[in-house]
Amino acid sequence: MSIKVNENYQNLEQNYLFKTIAQKVNAYTELHPDKKIIRLGIGDVTLPLTNKVIEALHAAVDEMGHQETFKGYGNEQGYDFAIDAVMKHYQSYGVTLNKKEVFISDGAKSDCGNITDIFGDNEILIPDPVYPVYLDSNIMCGRKINFIQASQENNFLPMPNEVEKKSYIIYICSPNNPTGAVYSKDQLKQWVDFANETESVIIFDSAYEAYIHGDYPHSIFEIEGSRTCAIEICSLSKTAGFTGTRMGWTIVPIELVCSGTALNPMWNRRQSTKFNGTAYIIQKAGEAALSPDGFKECKEHIAYYMENAKLLSDLLNKKGIWHTGGISSPYIWLKCPNNMSSWEFFDYLLNELQIVGTPGCGFGQQGEGYFRLTAFGSRESTLEAIERLEKAL
C-alpha cells in the first residue's frame, strides 16, 4: 500500500494568481523587449531599509563575531528586547499587553497559515475578496469555508449581520488587502460582540496598521471585549520594509479560551515544537524599527508610498472611476472601466499602456470586475504610470 498524501491539496486553485501574471508579462516582454513596463501589481516595497535598521543589523552582525556576545539558539517566542519593543508600540495606541502574549515570528504570512494548527475542525468565515493565504491554508486542512461577501454596496466592509449566527474562525484584515478598506471602531465592535456571542474566534491581520490615517483602530485590542475572542497577527514587512528581512508577531491573549482550553499555552507549545525562532540579528533590526527614532524613519517611508497612493487616487477621482483604498492603505481597489472584466483590464493595461496591476478576480469571485494597484513603486514610475493612464482612461 502506497503512502497517503493530504488530498486536500487537490482542492487548491492550481493556477496561482501571480504566476499567471508573470507568465503574461514574460510573454509580452519577449515580443516587445523595447517596451518599458511599470509594475504596480505585487505588493512588495521598493525603498531600502532605514538608517536605524541598517545600523542595528551591522551592530548585531558584529556581536555574532565575538565569543562574549555570540548568540546561538534563542527563545522560540522571541528575545525580551523584541517583545518589549512590540509592547511599547502597542502602548502608543493605548493597548497594554502581557509579555507572555507576544510571540515574535518571521512574518504575518507564516503565522496566518500556522495558526490553523491549534484549532480543530471548525467552520471558517472569510471575506470575499480575500488575501489568498487565509483561504488556502484552511483548504489544506480540509475545513468548511463560508464566505461573507464584500462589495461596492457595503464599501467592501462586510458586517456580522450578513451571516448566520454560529461559531466560526473569522478572518478580518484591516486595512484590507486587497481592497484597502478600513473598519471603524464601531464596526469592529460589532464583530467582537458577534464573536463573543457565538463563541467564535477572530484572526485579525493588522499588517498594514502603520498606514492608517484618521480615527481608525490600529489593533483589535483597542476594542472592548476583544481579549476573549481575538488573536492578532502583524508584521514589519510593510511598516519597516522587512519583506526580505522577515519579522512579525502574533498576540494571543491570556483570557482567550475555547471549549475550556486556553489558546495561549497551545500556541506557545506549537511554536516551541515547530519553530526555532526569528534570527537574533533580525530581532535587533526589528527593535530598532520600533524605537522612537526608528519608527519615525519608517513613517517617512510610509508617507512616500502614501503620496504615491494619493496621486493614483486623485487621477481616478478626476476620471470618475470608483475605488477604495489609498487613504489608509497602500492599495487602490478600483472598478474596471467600461464594464471590463478583471483580466480584460489587465490585458488592456499591459498591451496598451505597459502597466502591470493585479486582477481582482484573483482574490475571489467578488473581485471580478475590480482591479488592484499598489503604491509601492518609485515616485518616478508612479508619475509615469499616471501620465499613461491620464491619456487612456
Protein backbone atom coordinates (compact mmCIF):
# COMPACT_ATOMS: atom_id res chain seq x y z
CA MET A 1 0.00 0.00 0.00
CA SER A 2 1.44 3.38 -1.01
CA ILE A 3 1.89 6.36 1.30
CA LYS A 4 -1.18 8.53 1.70
CA VAL A 5 -0.91 12.24 0.98
CA ASN A 6 -3.01 15.17 2.10
CA GLU A 7 -5.66 15.07 -0.60
CA ASN A 8 -6.98 18.47 0.47
CA TYR A 9 -4.17 19.97 -1.61
CA GLN A 10 -6.02 18.77 -4.69
CA ASN A 11 -8.76 21.28 -3.84
CA LEU A 12 -6.44 24.27 -4.15
CA GLU A 13 -6.62 26.56 -7.15
CA GLN A 14 -3.81 25.33 -9.40
CA ASN A 15 -3.23 28.49 -11.44
CA TYR A 16 -1.68 30.74 -8.82
CA LEU A 17 -2.57 34.38 -9.46
CA PHE A 18 0.90 35.89 -9.51
CA LYS A 19 2.34 33.01 -11.54
CA THR A 20 -0.25 33.70 -14.25
CA ILE A 21 0.59 37.41 -14.16
CA ALA A 22 4.30 36.65 -14.51
CA GLN A 23 3.65 34.38 -17.49
CA LYS A 24 1.62 37.07 -19.26
CA VAL A 25 4.24 39.73 -18.59
CA ASN A 26 7.09 37.49 -19.73
CA ALA A 27 5.25 36.62 -22.95
CA TYR A 28 4.67 40.31 -23.66
CA THR A 29 8.30 41.20 -22.90
CA GLU A 30 9.60 38.56 -25.30
CA LEU A 31 7.52 40.10 -28.11
CA HIS A 32 8.26 43.71 -27.14
CA PRO A 33 11.71 43.84 -25.50
CA ASP A 34 11.97 47.60 -26.16
CA LYS A 35 8.85 48.48 -24.12
CA LYS A 36 9.25 49.78 -20.57
CA ILE A 37 6.88 48.02 -18.17
CA ILE A 38 5.72 49.75 -14.99
CA ARG A 39 4.82 47.30 -12.23
CA LEU A 40 2.01 48.34 -9.89
CA GLY A 41 0.95 44.80 -9.08
CA ILE A 42 2.69 42.75 -6.39
CA GLY A 43 2.69 44.46 -3.01
CA ASP A 44 6.44 44.46 -2.39
CA VAL A 45 8.25 47.51 -1.03
CA THR A 46 10.95 49.26 -3.07
CA LEU A 47 12.62 51.69 -0.66
CA PRO A 48 15.72 50.37 1.17
CA LEU A 49 15.85 49.65 4.87
CA THR A 50 16.09 52.75 7.07
CA ASN A 51 19.33 54.01 8.65
CA LYS A 52 18.43 52.89 12.19
CA VAL A 53 17.60 49.40 10.96
CA ILE A 54 20.86 49.12 8.99
CA GLU A 55 22.86 50.33 11.99
CA ALA A 56 21.22 47.72 14.20
CA LEU A 57 21.87 44.95 11.68
CA HIS A 58 25.56 45.85 11.42
CA ALA A 59 25.93 46.03 15.19
CA ALA A 60 24.21 42.67 15.65
CA VAL A 61 26.40 41.04 12.99
CA ASP A 62 29.48 42.34 14.81
CA GLU A 63 28.15 40.85 18.05
CA MET A 64 27.87 37.46 16.38
CA GLY A 65 31.60 37.62 15.56
CA HIS A 66 32.77 37.78 19.17
CA GLN A 67 32.69 34.98 21.72
CA GLU A 68 31.33 37.11 24.54
CA THR A 69 28.36 38.43 22.52
CA PHE A 70 27.70 35.49 20.20
CA LYS A 71 24.10 34.16 20.23
CA GLY A 72 23.02 30.60 19.48
CA TYR A 73 19.50 29.29 19.94
CA GLY A 74 17.15 31.91 21.35
CA ASN A 75 13.68 31.58 22.81
CA GLU A 76 11.20 30.41 20.20
CA GLN A 77 8.85 33.12 21.48
CA GLY A 78 11.40 35.88 20.84
CA TYR A 79 14.04 37.80 22.75
CA ASP A 80 12.82 40.01 25.59
CA PHE A 81 14.09 43.17 23.88
CA ALA A 82 11.99 42.47 20.76
CA ILE A 83 8.90 41.61 22.79
CA ASP A 84 9.35 44.80 24.82
CA ALA A 85 9.59 46.82 21.61
CA VAL A 86 6.30 45.36 20.36
CA MET A 87 4.62 46.03 23.71
CA LYS A 88 5.75 49.68 23.66
CA HIS A 89 4.47 50.01 20.10
CA TYR A 90 1.03 48.85 21.23
CA GLN A 91 1.13 51.16 24.24
CA SER A 92 1.32 54.07 21.79
CA TYR A 93 -2.19 53.02 20.68
CA GLY A 94 -3.42 52.60 24.25
CA VAL A 95 -3.13 48.80 24.29
CA THR A 96 -1.44 47.08 27.24
CA LEU A 97 -0.09 43.58 26.64
CA ASN A 98 1.32 40.84 28.86
CA LYS A 99 4.83 39.76 27.85
CA LYS A 100 3.65 36.14 27.61
CA GLU A 101 1.07 37.15 24.99
CA VAL A 102 3.59 38.33 22.36
CA PHE A 103 5.23 35.77 20.05
CA ILE A 104 7.89 37.04 17.62
CA SER A 105 7.77 35.35 14.19
CA ASP A 106 9.27 35.59 10.72
CA GLY A 107 6.23 37.39 9.34
CA ALA A 108 2.45 37.57 9.20
CA LYS A 109 2.08 35.19 6.26
CA SER A 110 3.70 32.35 8.19
CA ASP A 111 1.57 32.85 11.27
CA CYS A 112 -1.65 33.27 9.26
CA GLY A 113 -1.02 29.81 7.85
CA ASN A 114 0.40 28.22 11.01
CA ILE A 115 -2.35 29.44 13.37
CA THR A 116 -4.59 26.72 11.91
CA ASP A 117 -2.52 24.16 13.87
CA ILE A 118 -4.14 24.99 17.21
CA PHE A 119 -7.74 24.67 16.00
CA GLY A 120 -9.86 21.61 15.31
CA ASP A 121 -12.36 21.06 12.54
CA ASN A 122 -14.24 24.37 12.72
CA GLU A 123 -16.19 26.27 10.11
CA ILE A 124 -14.24 29.17 8.65
CA LEU A 125 -15.65 32.61 7.78
CA ILE A 126 -13.60 34.54 5.24
CA PRO A 127 -14.45 37.75 3.37
CA ASP A 128 -14.53 37.62 -0.43
CA PRO A 129 -12.35 39.11 -1.93
CA VAL A 130 -9.54 37.96 0.35
CA TYR A 131 -5.80 37.58 0.85
CA PRO A 132 -5.28 34.04 -0.54
CA VAL A 133 -3.37 32.66 2.48
CA TYR A 134 -6.46 32.68 4.72
CA LEU A 135 -8.37 30.57 2.21
CA ASP A 136 -5.64 28.21 1.03
CA SER A 137 -4.28 27.35 4.48
CA ASN A 138 -7.75 26.22 5.59
CA ILE A 139 -8.41 24.33 2.37
CA MET A 140 -5.18 22.44 3.12
CA CYS A 141 -6.76 21.43 6.44
CA GLY A 142 -10.00 20.27 4.78
CA ARG A 143 -12.17 22.76 6.64
CA LYS A 144 -15.54 24.06 5.53
CA ILE A 145 -15.20 27.59 4.17
CA ASN A 146 -18.01 30.14 4.42
CA PHE A 147 -17.67 33.38 2.51
CA ILE A 148 -19.05 36.73 3.53
CA GLN A 149 -19.42 38.94 0.51
CA ALA A 150 -17.65 42.28 0.36
CA SER A 151 -18.95 44.54 -2.36
CA GLN A 152 -19.26 48.09 -3.57
CA GLU A 153 -22.63 48.24 -1.79
CA ASN A 154 -21.04 47.67 1.64
CA ASN A 155 -17.84 49.56 0.73
CA PHE A 156 -16.00 46.21 0.88
CA LEU A 157 -16.55 46.10 4.65
CA PRO A 158 -18.92 43.17 5.31
CA MET A 159 -20.61 43.11 8.72
CA PRO A 160 -21.73 40.27 11.01
CA ASN A 161 -25.45 40.93 10.47
CA GLU A 162 -24.90 39.46 7.00
CA VAL A 163 -24.07 35.93 8.25
CA GLU A 164 -25.74 33.14 10.19
CA LYS A 165 -25.19 33.27 13.96
CA LYS A 166 -22.94 30.32 14.86
CA SER A 167 -19.33 29.63 15.79
CA TYR A 168 -16.63 30.36 13.23
CA ILE A 169 -12.96 31.08 12.90
CA ILE A 170 -13.33 34.59 11.44
CA TYR A 171 -10.61 36.24 9.36
CA ILE A 172 -10.52 40.04 9.32
CA CYS A 173 -7.83 42.19 7.68
CA SER A 174 -7.96 45.95 8.33
CA PRO A 175 -6.67 47.92 6.48
CA ASN A 176 -7.65 45.29 3.99
CA ASN A 177 -5.59 43.53 1.39
CA PRO A 178 -6.61 43.73 -1.44
CA THR A 179 -9.31 46.40 -1.10
CA GLY A 180 -7.67 48.98 1.18
CA ALA A 181 -10.94 49.35 3.12
CA VAL A 182 -10.65 50.07 6.88
CA TYR A 183 -13.05 49.14 9.68
CA SER A 184 -14.07 51.84 12.16
CA LYS A 185 -14.07 51.19 15.90
CA ASP A 186 -17.86 50.86 15.90
CA GLN A 187 -17.75 48.34 13.06
CA LEU A 188 -15.05 46.24 14.74
CA LYS A 189 -17.04 46.35 17.99
CA GLN A 190 -19.91 44.69 16.15
CA TRP A 191 -17.57 41.89 15.04
CA VAL A 192 -16.18 41.50 18.57
CA ASP A 193 -19.68 41.33 20.04
CA PHE A 194 -20.69 38.76 17.41
CA ALA A 195 -17.62 36.64 18.17
CA ASN A 196 -18.22 36.67 21.92
CA GLU A 197 -21.92 35.92 21.50
CA THR A 198 -21.33 32.99 19.13
CA GLU A 199 -18.14 31.71 20.83
CA SER A 200 -16.18 32.42 17.66
CA VAL A 201 -12.52 33.43 17.33
CA ILE A 202 -11.34 36.35 15.19
CA ILE A 203 -7.96 36.11 13.45
CA PHE A 204 -7.16 39.79 12.98
CA ASP A 205 -4.49 40.66 10.40
CA SER A 206 -3.14 44.16 11.13
CA ALA A 207 -0.15 44.04 8.78
CA TYR A 208 -1.00 47.48 7.33
CA GLU A 209 -1.87 49.26 10.58
CA ALA A 210 1.02 51.73 10.26
CA TYR A 211 -0.63 53.14 7.11
CA ILE A 212 -3.81 54.19 8.91
CA HIS A 213 -4.76 57.84 8.63
CA GLY A 214 -7.53 59.13 10.85
CA ASP A 215 -9.51 57.77 13.79
CA TYR A 216 -9.42 54.06 12.98
CA PRO A 217 -8.25 51.26 15.28
CA HIS A 218 -4.67 50.07 14.71
CA SER A 219 -5.29 46.94 16.78
CA ILE A 220 -8.36 44.88 17.52
CA PHE A 221 -7.31 45.05 21.17
CA GLU A 222 -8.41 48.68 21.19
CA ILE A 223 -11.94 47.24 21.13
CA GLU A 224 -13.65 46.35 24.41
CA GLY A 225 -14.24 42.60 24.73
CA SER A 226 -11.65 41.59 22.15
CA ARG A 227 -9.31 39.83 24.56
CA THR A 228 -11.78 36.97 24.97
CA CYS A 229 -12.32 36.39 21.25
CA ALA A 230 -9.38 37.55 19.12
CA ILE A 231 -5.83 36.75 18.02
CA GLU A 232 -3.85 39.46 16.27
CA ILE A 233 -1.13 38.90 13.66
CA CYS A 234 1.12 41.73 12.49
CA SER A 235 4.34 42.26 10.57
CA LEU A 236 7.14 44.71 9.83
CA SER A 237 7.08 43.82 6.13
CA LYS A 238 5.20 46.91 5.01
CA THR A 239 5.79 49.00 8.15
CA ALA A 240 9.59 48.87 8.01
CA GLY A 241 10.28 47.37 4.59
CA PHE A 242 11.03 43.92 6.03
CA THR A 243 9.63 41.93 3.09
CA GLY A 244 13.08 40.40 2.62
CA THR A 245 14.21 40.77 6.24
CA ARG A 246 11.27 38.91 7.84
CA MET A 247 9.89 39.75 11.27
CA GLY A 248 6.37 39.83 12.64
CA TRP A 249 4.44 38.80 15.71
CA THR A 250 1.28 37.14 16.93
CA ILE A 251 -0.62 38.17 20.05
CA VAL A 252 -2.67 35.52 21.87
CA PRO A 253 -4.40 36.94 24.97
CA ILE A 254 -4.23 35.01 28.24
CA GLU A 255 -8.02 35.27 28.55
CA LEU A 256 -8.75 33.60 25.20
CA VAL A 257 -10.35 30.22 25.95
CA CYS A 258 -12.09 27.80 23.56
CA SER A 259 -14.01 24.74 24.78
CA GLY A 260 -12.39 25.14 28.18
CA THR A 261 -8.85 25.27 26.78
CA ALA A 262 -6.65 28.38 26.86
CA LEU A 263 -5.16 29.11 23.43
CA ASN A 264 -2.08 30.99 24.65
CA PRO A 265 -0.26 27.90 26.01
CA MET A 266 -1.33 25.95 22.92
CA TRP A 267 0.31 28.49 20.60
CA ASN A 268 3.33 28.56 22.89
CA ARG A 269 3.65 24.78 22.59
CA ARG A 270 3.13 24.88 18.83
CA GLN A 271 5.89 27.45 18.38
CA SER A 272 8.23 25.66 20.78
CA THR A 273 7.78 22.42 18.83
CA LYS A 274 7.72 23.65 15.22
CA PHE A 275 9.62 26.97 15.18
CA ASN A 276 13.24 27.74 16.07
CA GLY A 277 12.64 31.45 16.48
CA THR A 278 13.47 34.54 14.42
CA ALA A 279 17.17 35.27 13.94
CA TYR A 280 18.83 37.43 16.61
CA ILE A 281 20.14 39.98 14.11
CA ILE A 282 16.65 40.36 12.62
CA GLN A 283 15.06 40.89 16.03
CA LYS A 284 17.65 43.59 16.77
CA ALA A 285 16.67 45.24 13.49
CA GLY A 286 13.01 44.97 14.46
CA GLU A 287 13.71 46.55 17.83
CA ALA A 288 15.40 49.45 16.03
CA ALA A 289 12.47 49.86 13.61
CA LEU A 290 10.01 50.12 16.52
CA SER A 291 12.16 52.55 18.54
CA PRO A 292 11.02 56.21 18.54
CA ASP A 293 13.72 57.32 16.10
CA GLY A 294 13.46 54.18 14.01
CA PHE A 295 9.69 54.36 13.70
CA LYS A 296 9.97 58.00 12.67
CA GLU A 297 12.13 56.86 9.76
CA CYS A 298 9.60 54.15 8.91
CA LYS A 299 6.80 56.71 8.86
CA GLU A 300 8.79 58.78 6.37
CA HIS A 301 8.88 55.79 4.01
CA ILE A 302 5.19 55.16 4.58
CA ALA A 303 4.46 58.81 3.76
CA TYR A 304 6.36 58.39 0.50
CA TYR A 305 4.25 55.39 -0.51
CA MET A 306 1.04 57.10 0.58
CA GLU A 307 1.86 60.12 -1.59
CA ASN A 308 2.05 57.68 -4.50
CA ALA A 309 -1.35 56.32 -3.45
CA LYS A 310 -2.80 59.83 -3.28
CA LEU A 311 -1.55 60.63 -6.78
CA LEU A 312 -3.20 57.47 -8.15
CA SER A 313 -6.40 58.15 -6.21
CA ASP A 314 -6.53 61.77 -7.43
CA LEU A 315 -6.33 60.57 -11.03
CA LEU A 316 -9.14 58.05 -10.55
CA ASN A 317 -11.30 60.71 -8.89
CA LYS A 318 -10.62 63.01 -11.83
CA LYS A 319 -11.67 60.28 -14.26
CA GLY A 320 -14.75 59.39 -12.21
CA ILE A 321 -13.59 55.82 -11.53
CA TRP A 322 -14.95 54.31 -8.30
CA HIS A 323 -12.32 53.00 -5.90
CA THR A 324 -11.46 52.34 -2.27
CA GLY A 325 -8.09 52.47 -0.52
CA GLY A 326 -5.32 54.99 -0.98
CA ILE A 327 -6.03 56.87 2.26
CA SER A 328 -5.18 54.38 5.00
CA SER A 329 -3.72 51.72 2.73
CA PRO A 330 -1.06 51.47 0.01
CA TYR A 331 -3.58 49.66 -2.19
CA ILE A 332 -6.03 51.16 -4.67
CA TRP A 333 -9.03 48.91 -5.41
CA LEU A 334 -10.87 50.21 -8.45
CA LYS A 335 -13.89 49.32 -10.53
CA CYS A 336 -12.71 48.32 -14.00
CA PRO A 337 -13.84 50.97 -16.53
CA ASN A 338 -16.24 50.25 -19.37
CA ASN A 339 -17.54 47.11 -17.64
CA MET A 340 -14.35 45.24 -18.46
CA SER A 341 -13.62 42.01 -16.60
CA SER A 342 -10.59 41.92 -14.33
CA TRP A 343 -8.42 40.04 -16.82
CA GLU A 344 -9.64 42.16 -19.74
CA PHE A 345 -8.49 45.28 -17.89
CA PHE A 346 -5.20 43.57 -17.02
CA ASP A 347 -4.58 42.77 -20.68
CA TYR A 348 -5.55 46.30 -21.73
CA LEU A 349 -3.13 47.91 -19.27
CA LEU A 350 -0.31 45.55 -20.23
CA ASN A 351 -0.73 45.62 -24.00
CA GLU A 352 -1.71 49.27 -24.46
CA LEU A 353 -0.02 51.08 -21.57
CA GLN A 354 2.65 48.62 -20.39
CA ILE A 355 1.33 48.83 -16.82
CA VAL A 356 1.01 45.72 -14.66
CA GLY A 357 -1.58 45.51 -11.87
CA THR A 358 -3.48 42.68 -10.18
CA PRO A 359 -6.86 41.37 -11.42
CA GLY A 360 -9.41 41.50 -8.62
CA CYS A 361 -10.88 38.12 -9.55
CA GLY A 362 -7.66 36.54 -8.31
CA PHE A 363 -8.77 37.38 -4.77
CA GLY A 364 -12.21 35.78 -5.04
CA GLN A 365 -15.44 35.82 -7.02
CA GLN A 366 -16.47 39.19 -5.58
CA GLY A 367 -13.30 40.67 -7.02
CA GLU A 368 -14.44 40.10 -10.59
CA GLY A 369 -14.70 43.43 -12.39
CA TYR A 370 -12.26 45.10 -9.98
CA PHE A 371 -8.53 45.70 -10.03
CA ARG A 372 -5.74 46.33 -7.51
CA LEU A 373 -2.95 48.85 -7.96
CA THR A 374 -0.19 49.34 -5.41
CA ALA A 375 1.68 52.44 -4.30
CA PHE A 376 4.97 50.67 -3.60
CA GLY A 377 6.72 51.79 -6.79
CA SER A 378 9.12 54.70 -7.10
CA ARG A 379 7.72 58.22 -7.41
CA GLU A 380 9.16 58.40 -10.92
CA SER A 381 7.45 55.20 -12.09
CA THR A 382 4.18 56.15 -10.39
CA LEU A 383 4.12 59.52 -12.12
CA GLU A 384 4.92 57.89 -15.45
CA ALA A 385 2.10 55.40 -14.93
CA ILE A 386 -0.29 58.25 -14.12
CA GLU A 387 0.76 60.05 -17.30
CA ARG A 388 -0.02 56.96 -19.36
CA LEU A 389 -3.34 56.38 -17.58
CA GLU A 390 -4.31 60.04 -17.98
CA LYS A 391 -4.31 59.68 -21.74
CA ALA A 392 -6.03 56.31 -21.91
CA LEU A 393 -8.78 56.19 -19.24
